N, C-alpha and C. Protein backbone atom coordinates (compact mmCIF):
# COMPACT_ATOMS: atom_id res chain seq x y z
N MET A 1 159.60 112.27 95.86
CA MET A 1 158.26 112.75 96.06
C MET A 1 157.94 113.74 94.95
N THR A 2 156.76 113.69 94.40
CA THR A 2 156.34 114.57 93.33
C THR A 2 155.66 115.80 93.91
N SER A 3 156.03 116.97 93.40
CA SER A 3 155.35 118.17 93.86
C SER A 3 154.30 118.56 92.83
N THR A 4 153.26 119.20 93.31
CA THR A 4 152.17 119.62 92.43
C THR A 4 152.01 121.12 92.53
N SER A 5 151.54 121.72 91.46
CA SER A 5 151.27 123.16 91.49
C SER A 5 150.03 123.40 92.34
N GLU A 6 149.83 124.65 92.72
CA GLU A 6 148.64 124.99 93.51
C GLU A 6 147.37 124.70 92.72
N GLU A 7 147.41 124.95 91.40
CA GLU A 7 146.25 124.68 90.56
C GLU A 7 145.94 123.18 90.51
N ASP A 8 146.99 122.36 90.38
CA ASP A 8 146.79 120.91 90.38
C ASP A 8 146.25 120.44 91.72
N GLN A 9 146.78 121.00 92.81
CA GLN A 9 146.33 120.60 94.14
C GLN A 9 144.87 120.99 94.35
N ALA A 10 144.47 122.18 93.87
CA ALA A 10 143.08 122.62 94.00
C ALA A 10 142.15 121.69 93.22
N LEU A 11 142.58 121.28 92.05
CA LEU A 11 141.79 120.35 91.24
C LEU A 11 141.63 119.01 91.97
N LEU A 12 142.73 118.50 92.51
CA LEU A 12 142.69 117.24 93.25
C LEU A 12 141.81 117.36 94.49
N ASP A 13 141.94 118.46 95.22
CA ASP A 13 141.13 118.65 96.43
C ASP A 13 139.65 118.81 96.11
N GLY A 14 139.32 119.39 94.98
CA GLY A 14 137.93 119.61 94.61
C GLY A 14 137.24 118.38 94.09
N TRP A 15 137.99 117.44 93.52
CA TRP A 15 137.39 116.24 92.93
C TRP A 15 136.57 115.44 93.94
N PRO A 16 137.09 115.12 95.11
CA PRO A 16 136.28 114.32 96.04
C PRO A 16 135.00 115.01 96.49
N GLN A 17 135.05 116.34 96.67
CA GLN A 17 133.84 117.03 97.11
C GLN A 17 132.75 116.92 96.05
N GLY A 18 133.11 117.08 94.79
CA GLY A 18 132.14 116.93 93.72
C GLY A 18 131.61 115.52 93.64
N ARG A 19 132.49 114.53 93.82
CA ARG A 19 132.08 113.13 93.79
C ARG A 19 131.14 112.83 94.94
N GLN A 20 131.41 113.40 96.11
CA GLN A 20 130.54 113.13 97.26
C GLN A 20 129.14 113.67 97.02
N GLN A 21 129.03 114.85 96.44
CA GLN A 21 127.71 115.42 96.18
C GLN A 21 126.95 114.58 95.18
N ASN A 22 127.64 114.04 94.18
CA ASN A 22 126.99 113.25 93.14
C ASN A 22 126.76 111.80 93.55
N ALA A 23 127.38 111.34 94.62
CA ALA A 23 127.29 109.93 94.99
C ALA A 23 126.43 109.70 96.22
N ASP A 24 125.67 110.70 96.66
CA ASP A 24 124.85 110.54 97.86
C ASP A 24 123.90 109.35 97.77
N TRP A 25 123.36 109.08 96.59
CA TRP A 25 122.41 107.98 96.45
C TRP A 25 123.04 106.63 96.70
N ARG A 26 124.37 106.51 96.58
CA ARG A 26 125.03 105.23 96.81
C ARG A 26 125.52 105.07 98.24
N ARG A 27 125.53 106.14 98.99
CA ARG A 27 126.08 106.09 100.33
C ARG A 27 125.17 105.30 101.26
N SER A 28 125.77 104.57 102.15
CA SER A 28 125.03 103.77 103.11
C SER A 28 124.13 104.66 103.97
N ARG A 29 122.97 104.15 104.31
CA ARG A 29 122.05 104.88 105.20
C ARG A 29 122.39 104.62 106.67
N ASP A 30 123.34 103.73 106.91
CA ASP A 30 123.77 103.42 108.27
C ASP A 30 124.50 104.63 108.85
N PRO A 31 124.04 105.20 109.97
CA PRO A 31 124.67 106.40 110.52
C PRO A 31 126.08 106.17 111.05
N HIS A 32 126.50 104.91 111.19
CA HIS A 32 127.84 104.61 111.70
C HIS A 32 128.87 104.53 110.58
N VAL A 33 128.43 104.56 109.35
CA VAL A 33 129.35 104.46 108.22
C VAL A 33 129.95 105.84 107.94
N HIS A 34 131.25 105.84 107.67
CA HIS A 34 131.99 107.07 107.35
C HIS A 34 131.33 107.76 106.15
N HIS A 35 131.27 109.07 106.17
CA HIS A 35 130.57 109.81 105.12
C HIS A 35 131.47 110.31 104.00
N GLY A 36 132.71 109.87 103.94
CA GLY A 36 133.58 110.26 102.83
C GLY A 36 133.46 109.25 101.69
N LEU A 37 134.33 109.41 100.71
CA LEU A 37 134.36 108.46 99.61
C LEU A 37 134.85 107.10 100.10
N ARG A 38 134.35 106.06 99.47
CA ARG A 38 134.78 104.70 99.78
C ARG A 38 135.80 104.29 98.72
N PHE A 39 137.03 104.05 99.15
CA PHE A 39 138.12 103.68 98.26
C PHE A 39 138.44 102.20 98.38
N VAL A 40 138.92 101.63 97.28
CA VAL A 40 139.58 100.33 97.35
C VAL A 40 141.04 100.56 97.00
N PHE A 41 141.89 99.82 97.65
CA PHE A 41 143.33 99.91 97.45
C PHE A 41 143.76 98.83 96.47
N TYR A 42 144.63 99.21 95.52
CA TYR A 42 145.26 98.22 94.65
C TYR A 42 146.76 98.32 94.83
N GLY A 43 147.38 97.15 95.04
CA GLY A 43 148.83 97.08 95.14
C GLY A 43 149.34 95.84 94.44
N ARG A 44 150.66 95.79 94.26
CA ARG A 44 151.24 94.68 93.52
C ARG A 44 152.70 94.51 93.93
N ILE A 45 153.13 93.27 93.92
CA ILE A 45 154.54 92.94 94.12
C ILE A 45 154.88 91.89 93.05
N SER A 46 156.02 92.10 92.39
CA SER A 46 156.34 91.19 91.28
C SER A 46 156.90 89.86 91.76
N THR A 47 157.73 89.89 92.78
CA THR A 47 158.31 88.64 93.25
C THR A 47 158.63 88.71 94.72
N SER A 48 158.29 87.69 95.44
CA SER A 48 158.63 87.67 96.86
C SER A 48 160.07 87.22 97.08
N GLY A 49 160.74 86.77 96.00
CA GLY A 49 162.14 86.36 96.11
C GLY A 49 163.08 87.53 96.34
N TYR A 50 162.70 88.71 95.86
CA TYR A 50 163.54 89.89 95.99
C TYR A 50 162.94 90.96 96.89
N GLN A 51 161.68 90.79 97.27
CA GLN A 51 161.00 91.77 98.10
C GLN A 51 160.21 91.05 99.18
N ASP A 52 160.03 91.69 100.30
CA ASP A 52 159.23 91.13 101.38
C ASP A 52 157.77 91.48 101.14
N LEU A 53 156.93 90.47 100.98
CA LEU A 53 155.51 90.68 100.66
C LEU A 53 154.82 91.56 101.69
N GLN A 54 154.97 91.25 102.97
CA GLN A 54 154.27 92.00 104.01
C GLN A 54 154.75 93.45 104.07
N ALA A 55 156.06 93.66 103.97
CA ALA A 55 156.60 95.02 104.03
C ALA A 55 156.16 95.83 102.81
N SER A 56 156.20 95.23 101.64
CA SER A 56 155.80 95.93 100.42
C SER A 56 154.32 96.31 100.47
N ARG A 57 153.50 95.36 100.86
CA ARG A 57 152.06 95.64 100.97
C ARG A 57 151.82 96.75 101.99
N ALA A 58 152.51 96.69 103.13
CA ALA A 58 152.31 97.67 104.20
C ALA A 58 152.68 99.08 103.76
N TRP A 59 153.82 99.25 103.10
CA TRP A 59 154.19 100.63 102.73
C TRP A 59 153.33 101.14 101.59
N GLN A 60 152.89 100.27 100.67
CA GLN A 60 151.99 100.72 99.61
C GLN A 60 150.64 101.14 100.20
N LEU A 61 150.14 100.35 101.15
CA LEU A 61 148.86 100.68 101.80
C LEU A 61 148.98 101.96 102.62
N GLU A 62 150.12 102.15 103.28
CA GLU A 62 150.32 103.37 104.07
C GLU A 62 150.27 104.62 103.18
N ILE A 63 150.89 104.55 102.01
CA ILE A 63 150.85 105.68 101.08
C ILE A 63 149.42 105.93 100.62
N ALA A 64 148.71 104.85 100.31
CA ALA A 64 147.32 104.98 99.86
C ALA A 64 146.45 105.60 100.96
N GLU A 65 146.66 105.18 102.21
CA GLU A 65 145.88 105.74 103.31
C GLU A 65 146.15 107.23 103.48
N ARG A 66 147.41 107.65 103.29
CA ARG A 66 147.73 109.07 103.37
C ARG A 66 147.06 109.85 102.24
N LEU A 67 146.98 109.24 101.07
CA LEU A 67 146.34 109.90 99.92
C LEU A 67 144.85 110.15 100.16
N VAL A 68 144.17 109.20 100.79
CA VAL A 68 142.72 109.34 100.96
C VAL A 68 142.35 110.06 102.25
N ASP A 69 143.32 110.29 103.13
CA ASP A 69 143.05 110.93 104.41
C ASP A 69 142.34 112.27 104.20
N GLY A 70 141.21 112.42 104.86
CA GLY A 70 140.42 113.63 104.74
C GLY A 70 139.41 113.60 103.61
N HIS A 71 139.47 112.57 102.77
CA HIS A 71 138.56 112.45 101.64
C HIS A 71 137.66 111.23 101.76
N GLY A 72 138.00 110.32 102.63
CA GLY A 72 137.24 109.08 102.77
C GLY A 72 138.11 108.03 103.43
N ARG A 73 137.79 106.76 103.15
CA ARG A 73 138.56 105.68 103.77
C ARG A 73 138.63 104.49 102.82
N ILE A 74 139.60 103.64 103.08
CA ILE A 74 139.77 102.42 102.29
C ILE A 74 138.88 101.34 102.89
N VAL A 75 137.99 100.79 102.05
CA VAL A 75 137.03 99.81 102.52
C VAL A 75 137.36 98.38 102.07
N ASP A 76 138.29 98.24 101.13
CA ASP A 76 138.66 96.92 100.64
C ASP A 76 140.00 97.04 99.95
N SER A 77 140.64 95.90 99.68
CA SER A 77 141.91 95.95 98.98
C SER A 77 142.04 94.78 98.01
N PHE A 78 142.82 95.03 96.98
CA PHE A 78 143.15 94.03 95.97
C PHE A 78 144.66 94.09 95.81
N PHE A 79 145.31 92.94 95.97
CA PHE A 79 146.77 92.92 95.94
C PHE A 79 147.25 91.72 95.14
N ASP A 80 148.05 91.99 94.13
CA ASP A 80 148.61 90.92 93.30
C ASP A 80 150.03 90.62 93.72
N GLU A 81 150.33 89.35 93.89
CA GLU A 81 151.68 88.89 94.21
C GLU A 81 152.18 88.07 93.03
N GLY A 82 153.40 88.34 92.61
CA GLY A 82 154.01 87.59 91.53
C GLY A 82 153.58 88.03 90.15
N CYS A 83 153.14 89.27 90.02
CA CYS A 83 152.69 89.80 88.73
C CYS A 83 153.54 91.00 88.33
N SER A 84 154.16 90.90 87.20
CA SER A 84 154.95 91.99 86.66
C SER A 84 154.05 93.16 86.30
N ARG A 85 154.59 94.37 86.40
CA ARG A 85 153.81 95.56 86.00
C ARG A 85 153.53 95.56 84.52
N THR A 86 154.27 94.78 83.74
CA THR A 86 154.04 94.72 82.30
C THR A 86 152.89 93.79 81.94
N ARG A 87 152.44 92.99 82.89
CA ARG A 87 151.30 92.10 82.64
C ARG A 87 150.02 92.92 82.64
N ALA A 88 149.20 92.71 81.65
CA ALA A 88 147.92 93.44 81.54
C ALA A 88 147.05 93.16 82.76
N TRP A 89 146.22 94.14 83.11
CA TRP A 89 145.37 94.00 84.30
C TRP A 89 144.47 92.78 84.21
N HIS A 90 143.95 92.46 83.06
CA HIS A 90 143.04 91.31 82.96
C HIS A 90 143.76 89.98 83.16
N LYS A 91 145.10 90.01 83.17
CA LYS A 91 145.88 88.79 83.42
C LYS A 91 146.49 88.77 84.82
N ARG A 92 146.16 89.72 85.65
CA ARG A 92 146.56 89.73 87.06
C ARG A 92 145.31 89.37 87.87
N PRO A 93 145.35 88.35 88.70
CA PRO A 93 144.14 87.89 89.39
C PRO A 93 143.39 88.97 90.17
N ALA A 94 144.07 89.70 91.05
CA ALA A 94 143.39 90.71 91.86
C ALA A 94 142.94 91.89 91.01
N ALA A 95 143.78 92.33 90.09
CA ALA A 95 143.41 93.45 89.21
C ALA A 95 142.22 93.08 88.33
N ALA A 96 142.18 91.84 87.87
CA ALA A 96 141.04 91.38 87.05
C ALA A 96 139.75 91.39 87.86
N ARG A 97 139.81 90.94 89.13
CA ARG A 97 138.62 90.97 89.99
C ARG A 97 138.18 92.42 90.24
N LEU A 98 139.16 93.29 90.48
CA LEU A 98 138.85 94.70 90.69
C LEU A 98 138.20 95.30 89.45
N SER A 99 138.77 95.05 88.30
CA SER A 99 138.21 95.56 87.04
C SER A 99 136.79 95.04 86.81
N ALA A 100 136.57 93.76 87.07
CA ALA A 100 135.24 93.17 86.88
C ALA A 100 134.22 93.79 87.83
N SER A 101 134.65 94.16 89.03
CA SER A 101 133.72 94.72 90.01
C SER A 101 133.23 96.11 89.62
N LEU A 102 133.92 96.77 88.72
CA LEU A 102 133.52 98.12 88.30
C LEU A 102 132.15 98.15 87.65
N ALA A 103 131.75 97.06 87.03
CA ALA A 103 130.45 97.00 86.36
C ALA A 103 129.28 96.86 87.33
N ASP A 104 129.55 96.50 88.57
CA ASP A 104 128.49 96.27 89.56
C ASP A 104 128.12 97.59 90.25
N PRO A 105 126.89 98.08 90.06
CA PRO A 105 126.51 99.34 90.70
C PRO A 105 126.47 99.23 92.23
N GLN A 106 126.43 98.03 92.77
CA GLN A 106 126.43 97.81 94.22
C GLN A 106 127.82 97.39 94.71
N ARG A 107 128.85 97.80 94.03
CA ARG A 107 130.22 97.33 94.32
C ARG A 107 130.74 97.74 95.69
N GLY A 108 130.19 98.77 96.29
CA GLY A 108 130.60 99.15 97.64
C GLY A 108 131.76 100.11 97.71
N PHE A 109 132.21 100.66 96.59
CA PHE A 109 133.27 101.66 96.62
C PHE A 109 133.03 102.68 95.51
N ASP A 110 133.66 103.86 95.71
CA ASP A 110 133.50 104.96 94.78
C ASP A 110 134.74 105.21 93.92
N ALA A 111 135.91 104.84 94.44
CA ALA A 111 137.16 105.17 93.76
C ALA A 111 138.23 104.15 94.10
N ILE A 112 139.27 104.13 93.28
CA ILE A 112 140.41 103.24 93.47
C ILE A 112 141.61 104.10 93.83
N VAL A 113 142.38 103.66 94.80
CA VAL A 113 143.62 104.35 95.16
C VAL A 113 144.77 103.36 95.03
N VAL A 114 145.84 103.83 94.42
CA VAL A 114 147.04 103.02 94.21
C VAL A 114 148.16 103.70 95.00
N GLY A 115 148.81 102.95 95.87
CA GLY A 115 149.87 103.53 96.70
C GLY A 115 151.05 104.01 95.90
N GLU A 116 151.45 103.28 94.88
CA GLU A 116 152.55 103.68 94.01
C GLU A 116 152.18 103.30 92.59
N TYR A 117 151.94 104.31 91.75
CA TYR A 117 151.45 104.04 90.41
C TYR A 117 152.39 103.16 89.60
N GLU A 118 153.69 103.23 89.87
CA GLU A 118 154.63 102.38 89.13
C GLU A 118 154.44 100.90 89.44
N ARG A 119 153.80 100.60 90.56
CA ARG A 119 153.50 99.22 90.90
C ARG A 119 152.30 98.70 90.12
N ALA A 120 151.47 99.62 89.65
CA ALA A 120 150.22 99.21 89.00
C ALA A 120 150.27 99.34 87.49
N PHE A 121 151.06 100.29 86.99
CA PHE A 121 151.02 100.58 85.57
C PHE A 121 152.43 100.57 84.97
N CYS A 122 152.47 100.37 83.67
CA CYS A 122 153.73 100.37 82.95
C CYS A 122 153.55 101.20 81.70
N GLY A 123 154.57 101.91 81.30
CA GLY A 123 154.51 102.71 80.08
C GLY A 123 154.29 101.84 78.87
N GLY A 124 153.67 102.39 77.86
CA GLY A 124 153.38 101.65 76.64
C GLY A 124 152.17 100.77 76.81
N SER A 125 151.81 100.10 75.77
CA SER A 125 150.64 99.20 75.85
C SER A 125 151.13 97.77 75.93
N SER A 126 150.79 97.12 77.00
CA SER A 126 151.20 95.73 77.21
C SER A 126 150.01 94.82 77.06
N ARG A 127 150.18 93.77 76.32
CA ARG A 127 149.09 92.82 76.14
C ARG A 127 149.47 91.43 76.61
N THR A 128 150.54 91.33 77.35
CA THR A 128 150.98 90.01 77.82
C THR A 128 150.40 89.67 79.14
């Protein structure tokens, strides 16, 4: 588990409040909709031969839910199966759909949450 300084934690805690104030125009007018940030979850598993797909997805989603707790909720998810972390996002089916959705102002979410960053990103620049 990674520890953060108090200054880092204050910065992280302050980010959603600022985003909420600036994103009021995108928020649903439906009174039953949660008033926090709308997150999408991204997860990935490289191979189901060595890992259990359902268990991997479940623990990654659980971490993501803990991260957004108190700041909003997860409204959608994108999960790639059989994609190495070294594969570029535009070559992973779910990640490519998620990336493409960023251009849509009516996309229905404000932020992306990743349960384990090592599942989503790889050091260096990968173009494969």
